[in-house]
Structure formats: structure tokens, C-alpha cells
Full PDB file with SEQRES, HELIX, SHEET, SSBOND, CRYST1, ORIGX, SCALE, CONECT and MASTER records, all heavy atoms in Angstrom:
SEQRES   1 A   38  SER GLY ARG VAL PRO MET ALA SER LEU ARG GLU ILE TRP          
SEQRES   2 A   38  ASP SER ALA TRP VAL PHE TYR GLY TRP GLN ASN THR VAL          
SEQRES   3 A   38  VAL ASN ALA GLY LEU LEU VAL VAL ASP VAL ASP SER              
HELIX    1 AA1 VAL A    4  TRP A   13  1                                  10    
CRYST1    1.000    1.000    1.000  90.00  90.00  90.00 P 1           1          
ORIGX1      1.000000  0.000000  0.000000        0.00000                         
ORIGX2      0.000000  1.000000  0.000000        0.00000                         
ORIGX3      0.000000  0.000000  1.000000        0.00000                         
SCALE1      1.000000  0.000000  0.000000        0.00000                         
SCALE2      0.000000  1.000000  0.000000        0.00000                         
SCALE3      0.000000  0.000000  1.000000        0.00000                         
ATOM      1  N   SER A   1       4.399   7.373   5.239  1.00  0.00           N  
ATOM      2  CA  SER A   1       3.836   6.812   4.033  1.00  0.00           C  
ATOM      3  C   SER A   1       3.514   5.299   4.154  1.00  0.00           C  
ATOM      4  O   SER A   1       4.030   4.558   5.081  1.00  0.00           O  
ATOM      5  CB  SER A   1       4.742   7.001   2.859  1.00  0.00           C  
ATOM      6  OG  SER A   1       5.945   6.441   3.199  1.00  0.00           O  
ATOM      7  N   GLY A   2       2.667   4.804   3.330  1.00  0.00           N  
ATOM      8  CA  GLY A   2       2.161   3.400   3.326  1.00  0.00           C  
ATOM      9  C   GLY A   2       3.000   2.503   2.637  1.00  0.00           C  
ATOM     10  O   GLY A   2       3.703   2.833   1.674  1.00  0.00           O  
ATOM     11  N   ARG A   3       2.953   1.198   3.069  1.00  0.00           N  
ATOM     12  CA  ARG A   3       3.609   0.110   2.427  1.00  0.00           C  
ATOM     13  C   ARG A   3       2.575  -1.017   2.306  1.00  0.00           C  
ATOM     14  O   ARG A   3       1.611  -1.079   3.014  1.00  0.00           O  
ATOM     15  CB  ARG A   3       4.794  -0.464   3.257  1.00  0.00           C  
ATOM     16  CG  ARG A   3       5.878   0.510   3.488  1.00  0.00           C  
ATOM     17  CD  ARG A   3       6.679   0.899   2.198  1.00  0.00           C  
ATOM     18  NE  ARG A   3       7.831   1.669   2.487  1.00  0.00           N  
ATOM     19  CZ  ARG A   3       7.777   3.146   2.531  1.00  0.00           C  
ATOM     20  NH1 ARG A   3       6.580   3.677   2.419  1.00  0.00           N  
ATOM     21  NH2 ARG A   3       8.911   3.830   2.809  1.00  0.00           N  
ATOM     22  N   VAL A   4       2.872  -1.923   1.359  1.00  0.00           N  
ATOM     23  CA  VAL A   4       1.886  -2.967   1.096  1.00  0.00           C  
ATOM     24  C   VAL A   4       1.675  -3.889   2.310  1.00  0.00           C  
ATOM     25  O   VAL A   4       0.476  -4.192   2.591  1.00  0.00           O  
ATOM     26  CB  VAL A   4       2.391  -3.902  -0.093  1.00  0.00           C  
ATOM     27  CG1 VAL A   4       1.518  -5.160  -0.178  1.00  0.00           C  
ATOM     28  CG2 VAL A   4       2.198  -3.129  -1.429  1.00  0.00           C  
ATOM     29  N   PRO A   5       2.628  -4.285   3.099  1.00  0.00           N  
ATOM     30  CA  PRO A   5       2.252  -5.002   4.400  1.00  0.00           C  
ATOM     31  C   PRO A   5       1.333  -4.275   5.320  1.00  0.00           C  
ATOM     32  O   PRO A   5       0.527  -5.025   5.983  1.00  0.00           O  
ATOM     33  CB  PRO A   5       3.698  -5.168   5.012  1.00  0.00           C  
ATOM     34  CG  PRO A   5       4.709  -5.090   3.949  1.00  0.00           C  
ATOM     35  CD  PRO A   5       4.071  -4.000   3.012  1.00  0.00           C  
ATOM     36  N   MET A   6       1.363  -2.994   5.366  1.00  0.00           N  
ATOM     37  CA  MET A   6       0.463  -2.309   6.337  1.00  0.00           C  
ATOM     38  C   MET A   6      -0.967  -2.305   5.625  1.00  0.00           C  
ATOM     39  O   MET A   6      -1.959  -2.442   6.332  1.00  0.00           O  
ATOM     40  CB  MET A   6       0.935  -0.859   6.383  1.00  0.00           C  
ATOM     41  CG  MET A   6       2.252  -0.824   7.042  1.00  0.00           C  
ATOM     42  SD  MET A   6       3.122   0.790   6.660  1.00  0.00           S  
ATOM     43  CE  MET A   6       4.735   0.511   7.284  1.00  0.00           C  
ATOM     44  N   ALA A   7      -1.058  -2.179   4.341  1.00  0.00           N  
ATOM     45  CA  ALA A   7      -2.362  -2.390   3.646  1.00  0.00           C  
ATOM     46  C   ALA A   7      -2.964  -3.761   3.898  1.00  0.00           C  
ATOM     47  O   ALA A   7      -4.098  -3.928   4.070  1.00  0.00           O  
ATOM     48  CB  ALA A   7      -2.122  -2.136   2.150  1.00  0.00           C  
ATOM     49  N   SER A   8      -2.032  -4.757   3.925  1.00  0.00           N  
ATOM     50  CA  SER A   8      -2.595  -6.103   4.167  1.00  0.00           C  
ATOM     51  C   SER A   8      -3.089  -6.217   5.624  1.00  0.00           C  
ATOM     52  O   SER A   8      -4.175  -6.965   5.796  1.00  0.00           O  
ATOM     53  CB  SER A   8      -1.379  -7.043   3.990  1.00  0.00           C  
ATOM     54  OG  SER A   8      -1.789  -8.363   4.296  1.00  0.00           O  
ATOM     55  N   LEU A   9      -2.393  -5.664   6.568  1.00  0.00           N  
ATOM     56  CA  LEU A   9      -2.970  -5.799   8.004  1.00  0.00           C  
ATOM     57  C   LEU A   9      -4.336  -5.026   7.989  1.00  0.00           C  
ATOM     58  O   LEU A   9      -5.197  -5.429   8.935  1.00  0.00           O  
ATOM     59  CB  LEU A   9      -1.906  -5.048   8.948  1.00  0.00           C  
ATOM     60  CG  LEU A   9      -0.572  -5.825   9.008  1.00  0.00           C  
ATOM     61  CD1 LEU A   9       0.420  -4.960   9.920  1.00  0.00           C  
ATOM     62  CD2 LEU A   9      -0.798  -7.244   9.610  1.00  0.00           C  
ATOM     63  N   ARG A  10      -4.445  -3.905   7.374  1.00  0.00           N  
ATOM     64  CA  ARG A  10      -5.778  -3.398   7.428  1.00  0.00           C  
ATOM     65  C   ARG A  10      -6.933  -4.225   6.977  1.00  0.00           C  
ATOM     66  O   ARG A  10      -8.066  -4.092   7.611  1.00  0.00           O  
ATOM     67  CB  ARG A  10      -5.672  -2.100   6.320  1.00  0.00           C  
ATOM     68  CG  ARG A  10      -6.901  -1.229   6.413  1.00  0.00           C  
ATOM     69  CD  ARG A  10      -7.332  -0.704   5.053  1.00  0.00           C  
ATOM     70  NE  ARG A  10      -8.171  -1.645   4.272  1.00  0.00           N  
ATOM     71  CZ  ARG A  10      -9.438  -1.879   4.404  1.00  0.00           C  
ATOM     72  NH1 ARG A  10     -10.102  -1.232   5.216  1.00  0.00           N  
ATOM     73  NH2 ARG A  10     -10.027  -2.809   3.645  1.00  0.00           N  
ATOM     74  N   GLU A  11      -6.755  -5.078   6.163  1.00  0.00           N  
ATOM     75  CA  GLU A  11      -7.789  -6.021   5.662  1.00  0.00           C  
ATOM     76  C   GLU A  11      -8.352  -6.952   6.791  1.00  0.00           C  
ATOM     77  O   GLU A  11      -9.485  -7.282   6.713  1.00  0.00           O  
ATOM     78  CB  GLU A  11      -7.249  -6.920   4.540  1.00  0.00           C  
ATOM     79  CG  GLU A  11      -6.782  -6.099   3.253  1.00  0.00           C  
ATOM     80  CD  GLU A  11      -8.038  -5.343   2.639  1.00  0.00           C  
ATOM     81  OE1 GLU A  11      -8.943  -5.791   2.533  1.00  0.00           O  
ATOM     82  OE2 GLU A  11      -7.696  -4.096   2.155  1.00  0.00           O  
ATOM     83  N   ILE A  12      -7.491  -7.252   7.816  1.00  0.00           N  
ATOM     84  CA  ILE A  12      -7.964  -8.166   8.879  1.00  0.00           C  
ATOM     85  C   ILE A  12      -9.173  -7.609   9.580  1.00  0.00           C  
ATOM     86  O   ILE A  12     -10.053  -8.191   9.807  1.00  0.00           O  
ATOM     87  CB  ILE A  12      -6.780  -8.426   9.854  1.00  0.00           C  
ATOM     88  CG1 ILE A  12      -5.584  -9.084   9.099  1.00  0.00           C  
ATOM     89  CG2 ILE A  12      -7.338  -9.231  10.985  1.00  0.00           C  
ATOM     90  CD1 ILE A  12      -4.401  -9.131   9.997  1.00  0.00           C  
ATOM     91  N   TRP A  13      -9.203  -6.262   9.749  1.00  0.00           N  
ATOM     92  CA  TRP A  13     -10.166  -5.645  10.645  1.00  0.00           C  
ATOM     93  C   TRP A  13     -11.192  -4.707   9.754  1.00  0.00           C  
ATOM     94  O   TRP A  13     -12.035  -4.056  10.330  1.00  0.00           O  
ATOM     95  CB  TRP A  13      -9.579  -4.808  11.803  1.00  0.00           C  
ATOM     96  CG  TRP A  13      -8.908  -5.740  12.726  1.00  0.00           C  
ATOM     97  CD1 TRP A  13      -9.511  -6.525  13.704  1.00  0.00           C  
ATOM     98  CD2 TRP A  13      -7.531  -5.990  12.854  1.00  0.00           C  
ATOM     99  NE1 TRP A  13      -8.495  -7.104  14.458  1.00  0.00           N  
ATOM    100  CE2 TRP A  13      -7.289  -6.935  13.817  1.00  0.00           C  
ATOM    101  CE3 TRP A  13      -6.429  -5.500  12.082  1.00  0.00           C  
ATOM    102  CZ2 TRP A  13      -6.008  -7.337  14.144  1.00  0.00           C  
ATOM    103  CZ3 TRP A  13      -5.075  -6.042  12.468  1.00  0.00           C  
ATOM    104  CH2 TRP A  13      -4.908  -6.872  13.461  1.00  0.00           C  
ATOM    105  N   ASP A  14     -10.809  -4.607   8.444  1.00  0.00           N  
ATOM    106  CA  ASP A  14     -11.519  -3.778   7.649  1.00  0.00           C  
ATOM    107  C   ASP A  14     -11.602  -2.301   8.205  1.00  0.00           C  
ATOM    108  O   ASP A  14     -12.504  -1.494   8.321  1.00  0.00           O  
ATOM    109  CB  ASP A  14     -12.974  -4.157   7.392  1.00  0.00           C  
ATOM    110  CG  ASP A  14     -13.663  -3.443   6.201  1.00  0.00           C  
ATOM    111  OD1 ASP A  14     -12.918  -2.898   5.415  1.00  0.00           O  
ATOM    112  OD2 ASP A  14     -14.894  -3.524   6.185  1.00  0.00           O  
ATOM    113  N   SER A  15     -10.457  -1.916   8.689  1.00  0.00           N  
ATOM    114  CA  SER A  15     -10.260  -0.571   9.398  1.00  0.00           C  
ATOM    115  C   SER A  15     -10.102   0.551   8.379  1.00  0.00           C  
ATOM    116  O   SER A  15      -9.754   0.373   7.166  1.00  0.00           O  
ATOM    117  CB  SER A  15      -9.149  -0.585  10.357  1.00  0.00           C  
ATOM    118  OG  SER A  15      -7.817  -0.570   9.566  1.00  0.00           O  
ATOM    119  N   ALA A  16     -10.307   1.735   8.883  1.00  0.00           N  
ATOM    120  CA  ALA A  16      -9.806   2.974   8.131  1.00  0.00           C  
ATOM    121  C   ALA A  16      -8.307   2.789   8.249  1.00  0.00           C  
ATOM    122  O   ALA A  16      -7.677   2.243   9.086  1.00  0.00           O  
ATOM    123  CB  ALA A  16     -10.262   4.232   8.775  1.00  0.00           C  
ATOM    124  N   TRP A  17      -7.561   3.273   7.165  1.00  0.00           N  
ATOM    125  CA  TRP A  17      -6.090   3.347   7.124  1.00  0.00           C  
ATOM    126  C   TRP A  17      -5.573   4.736   6.835  1.00  0.00           C  
ATOM    127  O   TRP A  17      -5.940   5.346   5.800  1.00  0.00           O  
ATOM    128  CB  TRP A  17      -5.636   2.321   5.969  1.00  0.00           C  
ATOM    129  CG  TRP A  17      -4.074   2.290   6.009  1.00  0.00           C  
ATOM    130  CD1 TRP A  17      -3.242   2.409   7.001  1.00  0.00           C  
ATOM    131  CD2 TRP A  17      -3.351   1.917   4.873  1.00  0.00           C  
ATOM    132  NE1 TRP A  17      -1.998   2.164   6.741  1.00  0.00           N  
ATOM    133  CE2 TRP A  17      -2.020   1.928   5.314  1.00  0.00           C  
ATOM    134  CE3 TRP A  17      -3.573   1.653   3.546  1.00  0.00           C  
ATOM    135  CZ2 TRP A  17      -1.009   1.704   4.394  1.00  0.00           C  
ATOM    136  CZ3 TRP A  17      -2.574   1.434   2.654  1.00  0.00           C  
ATOM    137  CH2 TRP A  17      -1.229   1.393   3.067  1.00  0.00           C  
ATOM    138  N   VAL A  18      -4.889   5.299   7.769  1.00  0.00           N  
ATOM    139  CA  VAL A  18      -4.322   6.620   7.670  1.00  0.00           C  
ATOM    140  C   VAL A  18      -2.825   6.575   7.327  1.00  0.00           C  
ATOM    141  O   VAL A  18      -2.082   5.880   8.018  1.00  0.00           O  
ATOM    142  CB  VAL A  18      -4.429   7.358   8.940  1.00  0.00           C  
ATOM    143  CG1 VAL A  18      -3.888   8.757   8.965  1.00  0.00           C  
ATOM    144  CG2 VAL A  18      -5.925   7.418   9.410  1.00  0.00           C  
ATOM    145  N   PHE A  19      -2.457   7.128   6.217  1.00  0.00           N  
ATOM    146  CA  PHE A  19      -1.046   7.214   5.756  1.00  0.00           C  
ATOM    147  C   PHE A  19      -0.783   8.499   5.120  1.00  0.00           C  
ATOM    148  O   PHE A  19      -1.748   9.249   4.568  1.00  0.00           O  
ATOM    149  CB  PHE A  19      -0.711   6.131   4.892  1.00  0.00           C  
ATOM    150  CG  PHE A  19      -1.573   5.824   3.734  1.00  0.00           C  
ATOM    151  CD1 PHE A  19      -1.150   5.982   2.467  1.00  0.00           C  
ATOM    152  CD2 PHE A  19      -2.881   5.284   3.887  1.00  0.00           C  
ATOM    153  CE1 PHE A  19      -2.012   5.783   1.346  1.00  0.00           C  
ATOM    154  CE2 PHE A  19      -3.728   5.051   2.791  1.00  0.00           C  
ATOM    155  CZ  PHE A  19      -3.248   5.262   1.415  1.00  0.00           C  
ATOM    156  N   TYR A  20       0.461   8.944   4.957  1.00  0.00           N  
ATOM    157  CA  TYR A  20       0.824  10.195   4.385  1.00  0.00           C  
ATOM    158  C   TYR A  20       1.843   9.982   3.239  1.00  0.00           C  
ATOM    159  O   TYR A  20       2.994   9.885   3.417  1.00  0.00           O  
ATOM    160  CB  TYR A  20       1.421  11.139   5.383  1.00  0.00           C  
ATOM    161  CG  TYR A  20       1.544  12.604   4.938  1.00  0.00           C  
ATOM    162  CD1 TYR A  20       0.425  13.440   4.782  1.00  0.00           C  
ATOM    163  CD2 TYR A  20       2.844  13.011   4.599  1.00  0.00           C  
ATOM    164  CE1 TYR A  20       0.703  14.695   4.404  1.00  0.00           C  
ATOM    165  CE2 TYR A  20       3.070  14.344   4.050  1.00  0.00           C  
ATOM    166  CZ  TYR A  20       1.926  15.172   4.040  1.00  0.00           C  
ATOM    167  OH  TYR A  20       2.022  16.475   3.514  1.00  0.00           O  
ATOM    168  N   GLY A  21       1.316   9.856   2.022  1.00  0.00           N  
ATOM    169  CA  GLY A  21       2.104   9.326   0.985  1.00  0.00           C  
ATOM    170  C   GLY A  21       2.105   7.791   0.870  1.00  0.00           C  
ATOM    171  O   GLY A  21       1.696   7.152   1.824  1.00  0.00           O  
ATOM    172  N   TRP A  22       2.585   7.214  -0.173  1.00  0.00           N  
ATOM    173  CA  TRP A  22       2.580   5.786  -0.324  1.00  0.00           C  
ATOM    174  C   TRP A  22       3.749   5.404  -1.232  1.00  0.00           C  
ATOM    175  O   TRP A  22       4.084   6.076  -2.122  1.00  0.00           O  
ATOM    176  CB  TRP A  22       1.242   5.250  -0.805  1.00  0.00           C  
ATOM    177  CG  TRP A  22       0.789   5.699  -2.200  1.00  0.00           C  
ATOM    178  CD1 TRP A  22       1.021   4.956  -3.294  1.00  0.00           C  
ATOM    179  CD2 TRP A  22       0.205   6.824  -2.549  1.00  0.00           C  
ATOM    180  NE1 TRP A  22       0.463   5.655  -4.421  1.00  0.00           N  
ATOM    181  CE2 TRP A  22      -0.034   6.809  -4.013  1.00  0.00           C  
ATOM    182  CE3 TRP A  22      -0.248   7.992  -1.865  1.00  0.00           C  
ATOM    183  CZ2 TRP A  22      -0.686   7.825  -4.732  1.00  0.00           C  
ATOM    184  CZ3 TRP A  22      -0.822   9.069  -2.652  1.00  0.00           C  
ATOM    185  CH2 TRP A  22      -1.083   8.863  -3.933  1.00  0.00           C  
ATOM    186  N   GLN A  23       4.072   4.152  -1.036  1.00  0.00           N  
ATOM    187  CA  GLN A  23       5.242   3.677  -1.801  1.00  0.00           C  
ATOM    188  C   GLN A  23       4.767   3.186  -3.286  1.00  0.00           C  
ATOM    189  O   GLN A  23       3.632   2.557  -3.353  1.00  0.00           O  
ATOM    190  CB  GLN A  23       5.857   2.402  -1.143  1.00  0.00           C  
ATOM    191  CG  GLN A  23       7.168   2.029  -1.832  1.00  0.00           C  
ATOM    192  CD  GLN A  23       8.056   0.999  -1.075  1.00  0.00           C  
ATOM    193  OE1 GLN A  23       7.527  -0.022  -0.580  1.00  0.00           O  
ATOM    194  NE2 GLN A  23       9.280   1.378  -0.941  1.00  0.00           N  
ATOM    195  N   ASN A  24       5.484   3.567  -4.234  1.00  0.00           N  
ATOM    196  CA  ASN A  24       5.297   3.055  -5.578  1.00  0.00           C  
ATOM    197  C   ASN A  24       6.476   3.059  -6.303  1.00  0.00           C  
ATOM    198  O   ASN A  24       7.541   3.650  -5.953  1.00  0.00           O  
ATOM    199  CB  ASN A  24       4.405   4.231  -6.212  1.00  0.00           C  
ATOM    200  CG  ASN A  24       3.381   3.494  -7.248  1.00  0.00           C  
ATOM    201  OD1 ASN A  24       3.684   2.588  -7.868  1.00  0.00           O  
ATOM    202  ND2 ASN A  24       2.223   4.022  -7.352  1.00  0.00           N  
ATOM    203  N   THR A  25       6.606   2.313  -7.439  1.00  0.00           N  
ATOM    204  CA  THR A  25       7.866   2.275  -8.131  1.00  0.00           C  
ATOM    205  C   THR A  25       7.981   3.500  -9.050  1.00  0.00           C  
ATOM    206  O   THR A  25       6.762   3.889  -9.637  1.00  0.00           O  
ATOM    207  CB  THR A  25       7.931   0.929  -9.063  1.00  0.00           C  
ATOM    208  OG1 THR A  25       6.680   0.800  -9.694  1.00  0.00           O  
ATOM    209  CG2 THR A  25       8.148  -0.264  -8.091  1.00  0.00           C  
ATOM    210  N   VAL A  26       9.051   3.933  -9.379  1.00  0.00           N  
ATOM    211  CA  VAL A  26       9.191   5.150 -10.230  1.00  0.00           C  
ATOM    212  C   VAL A  26       8.927   4.808 -11.620  1.00  0.00           C  
ATOM    213  O   VAL A  26       8.237   5.603 -12.339  1.00  0.00           O  
ATOM    214  CB  VAL A  26      10.682   5.604 -10.126  1.00  0.00           C  
ATOM    215  CG1 VAL A  26      10.878   6.832 -11.025  1.00  0.00           C  
ATOM    216  CG2 VAL A  26      10.999   6.056  -8.690  1.00  0.00           C  
ATOM    217  N   VAL A  27       9.339   3.609 -12.111  1.00  0.00           N  
ATOM    218  CA  VAL A  27       9.088   3.308 -13.650  1.00  0.00           C  
ATOM    219  C   VAL A  27       7.880   2.310 -13.848  1.00  0.00           C  
ATOM    220  O   VAL A  27       7.011   2.617 -14.549  1.00  0.00           O  
ATOM    221  CB  VAL A  27      10.367   2.696 -14.201  1.00  0.00           C  
ATOM    222  CG1 VAL A  27      10.281   2.409 -15.632  1.00  0.00           C  
ATOM    223  CG2 VAL A  27      11.550   3.706 -13.990  1.00  0.00           C  
ATOM    224  N   ASN A  28       8.059   1.102 -13.206  1.00  0.00           N  
ATOM    225  CA  ASN A  28       7.093   0.019 -13.516  1.00  0.00           C  
ATOM    226  C   ASN A  28       5.929  -0.002 -12.641  1.00  0.00           C  
ATOM    227  O   ASN A  28       6.030  -0.401 -11.446  1.00  0.00           O  
ATOM    228  CB  ASN A  28       7.846  -1.269 -13.481  1.00  0.00           C  
ATOM    229  CG  ASN A  28       8.916  -1.271 -14.566  1.00  0.00           C  
ATOM    230  OD1 ASN A  28       8.782  -0.902 -15.604  1.00  0.00           O  
ATOM    231  ND2 ASN A  28      10.118  -1.811 -14.109  1.00  0.00           N  
ATOM    232  N   ALA A  29       4.818   0.587 -13.039  1.00  0.00           N  
ATOM    233  CA  ALA A  29       3.540   0.560 -12.266  1.00  0.00           C  
ATOM    234  C   ALA A  29       3.023  -0.932 -12.280  1.00  0.00           C  
ATOM    235  O   ALA A  29       3.259  -1.553 -13.225  1.00  0.00           O  
ATOM    236  CB  ALA A  29       2.641   1.556 -12.710  1.00  0.00           C  
ATOM    237  N   GLY A  30       2.252  -1.179 -11.262  1.00  0.00           N  
ATOM    238  CA  GLY A  30       1.504  -2.469 -11.307  1.00  0.00           C  
ATOM    239  C   GLY A  30       2.324  -3.644 -10.658  1.00  0.00           C  
ATOM    240  O   GLY A  30       1.764  -4.746 -10.739  1.00  0.00           O  
ATOM    241  N   LEU A  31       3.241  -3.256  -9.834  1.00  0.00           N  
ATOM    242  CA  LEU A  31       3.921  -4.360  -9.094  1.00  0.00           C  
ATOM    243  C   LEU A  31       3.329  -4.469  -7.708  1.00  0.00           C  
ATOM    244  O   LEU A  31       3.442  -3.664  -6.871  1.00  0.00           O  
ATOM    245  CB  LEU A  31       5.462  -3.943  -8.811  1.00  0.00           C  
ATOM    246  CG  LEU A  31       6.398  -3.807 -10.157  1.00  0.00           C  
ATOM    247  CD1 LEU A  31       7.585  -3.320  -9.739  1.00  0.00           C  
ATOM    248  CD2 LEU A  31       6.408  -5.202 -10.773  1.00  0.00           C  
ATOM    249  N   LEU A  32       2.472  -5.528  -7.568  1.00  0.00           N  
ATOM    250  CA  LEU A  32       1.536  -5.756  -6.489  1.00  0.00           C  
ATOM    251  C   LEU A  32       2.301  -5.914  -5.095  1.00  0.00           C  
ATOM    252  O   LEU A  32       1.756  -5.612  -4.094  1.00  0.00           O  
ATOM    253  CB  LEU A  32       0.653  -6.881  -6.670  1.00  0.00           C  
ATOM    254  CG  LEU A  32      -0.258  -6.801  -7.960  1.00  0.00           C  
ATOM    255  CD1 LEU A  32      -1.175  -8.060  -8.127  1.00  0.00           C  
ATOM    256  CD2 LEU A  32      -1.238  -5.624  -7.776  1.00  0.00           C  
ATOM    257  N   VAL A  33       3.519  -6.364  -5.117  1.00  0.00           N  
ATOM    258  CA  VAL A  33       4.284  -6.547  -3.951  1.00  0.00           C  
ATOM    259  C   VAL A  33       4.875  -5.235  -3.419  1.00  0.00           C  
ATOM    260  O   VAL A  33       5.318  -5.104  -2.219  1.00  0.00           O  
ATOM    261  CB  VAL A  33       5.449  -7.579  -4.066  1.00  0.00           C  
ATOM    262  CG1 VAL A  33       4.806  -8.965  -4.327  1.00  0.00           C  
ATOM    263  CG2 VAL A  33       6.395  -7.249  -5.059  1.00  0.00           C  
ATOM    264  N   VAL A  34       4.837  -4.187  -4.242  1.00  0.00           N  
ATOM    265  CA  VAL A  34       5.458  -2.951  -3.944  1.00  0.00           C  
ATOM    266  C   VAL A  34       4.523  -1.771  -4.099  1.00  0.00           C  
ATOM    267  O   VAL A  34       4.311  -0.918  -3.192  1.00  0.00           O  
ATOM    268  CB  VAL A  34       6.743  -2.592  -4.800  1.00  0.00           C  
ATOM    269  CG1 VAL A  34       7.236  -1.235  -4.535  1.00  0.00           C  
ATOM    270  CG2 VAL A  34       7.783  -3.651  -4.536  1.00  0.00           C  
ATOM    271  N   ASP A  35       3.683  -1.698  -5.189  1.00  0.00           N  
ATOM    272  CA  ASP A  35       2.812  -0.522  -5.438  1.00  0.00           C  
ATOM    273  C   ASP A  35       1.547  -0.576  -4.528  1.00  0.00           C  
ATOM    274  O   ASP A  35       0.763  -1.390  -4.776  1.00  0.00           O  
ATOM    275  CB  ASP A  35       2.464  -0.546  -6.827  1.00  0.00           C  
ATOM    276  CG  ASP A  35       3.747  -0.344  -7.751  1.00  0.00           C  
ATOM    277  OD1 ASP A  35       4.813   0.071  -7.265  1.00  0.00           O  
ATOM    278  OD2 ASP A  35       3.656  -0.401  -8.996  1.00  0.00           O  
ATOM    279  N   VAL A  36       1.507   0.320  -3.640  1.00  0.00           N  
ATOM    280  CA  VAL A  36       0.363   0.355  -2.793  1.00  0.00           C  
ATOM    281  C   VAL A  36      -0.944   0.595  -3.451  1.00  0.00           C  
ATOM    282  O   VAL A  36      -1.945  -0.054  -3.202  1.00  0.00           O  
ATOM    283  CB  VAL A  36       0.549   1.405  -1.589  1.00  0.00           C  
ATOM    284  CG1 VAL A  36      -0.703   1.489  -0.805  1.00  0.00           C  
ATOM    285  CG2 VAL A  36       1.676   1.037  -0.750  1.00  0.00           C  
ATOM    286  N   ASP A  37      -0.924   1.511  -4.361  1.00  0.00           N  
ATOM    287  CA  ASP A  37      -2.233   1.739  -5.135  1.00  0.00           C  
ATOM    288  C   ASP A  37      -2.550   0.598  -5.990  1.00  0.00           C  
ATOM    289  O   ASP A  37      -3.783   0.219  -6.087  1.00  0.00           O  
ATOM    290  CB  ASP A  37      -2.111   3.159  -5.870  1.00  0.00           C  
ATOM    291  CG  ASP A  37      -0.838   3.126  -6.684  1.00  0.00           C  
ATOM    292  OD1 ASP A  37       0.048   2.252  -6.779  1.00  0.00           O  
ATOM    293  OD2 ASP A  37      -0.662   4.153  -7.496  1.00  0.00           O  
ATOM    294  N   SER A  38      -1.645  -0.078  -6.618  1.00  0.00           N  
ATOM    295  CA  SER A  38      -2.008  -1.167  -7.501  1.00  0.00           C  
ATOM    296  C   SER A  38      -2.552  -2.286  -6.580  1.00  0.00           C  
ATOM    297  O   SER A  38      -3.471  -2.956  -7.029  1.00  0.00           O  
ATOM    298  CB  SER A  38      -0.692  -1.728  -8.254  1.00  0.00           C  
ATOM    299  OG  SER A  38      -0.227  -0.735  -9.099  1.00  0.00           O  
TER     300      SER A  38                                                      
MASTER        0    0    0    1    0    0    0    6  299    1    0    3          
END                                                                             
């Protein structure tokens, strides 16, 4: 699964990013330091 730091590295090369599931908070959505989709 994906984490925000890996999403950040993707941006350097504008690469495709392959991951299987992603980290998110159970209750509070929209936490940019944790929620990969946000």
C-alpha cells in the first residue's frame, strides 16, 4: 500500500505510481500528511 512520502517522490519524475491499497485515517478524512487520496 501507498504512503504520502511515496506519492511525493512520484512527483519528481511525474511517473506512474503502482500501489496496492493506500493509507487513510479511519475517522478524520482530509489529513494531508497521512491521507494519500486527500
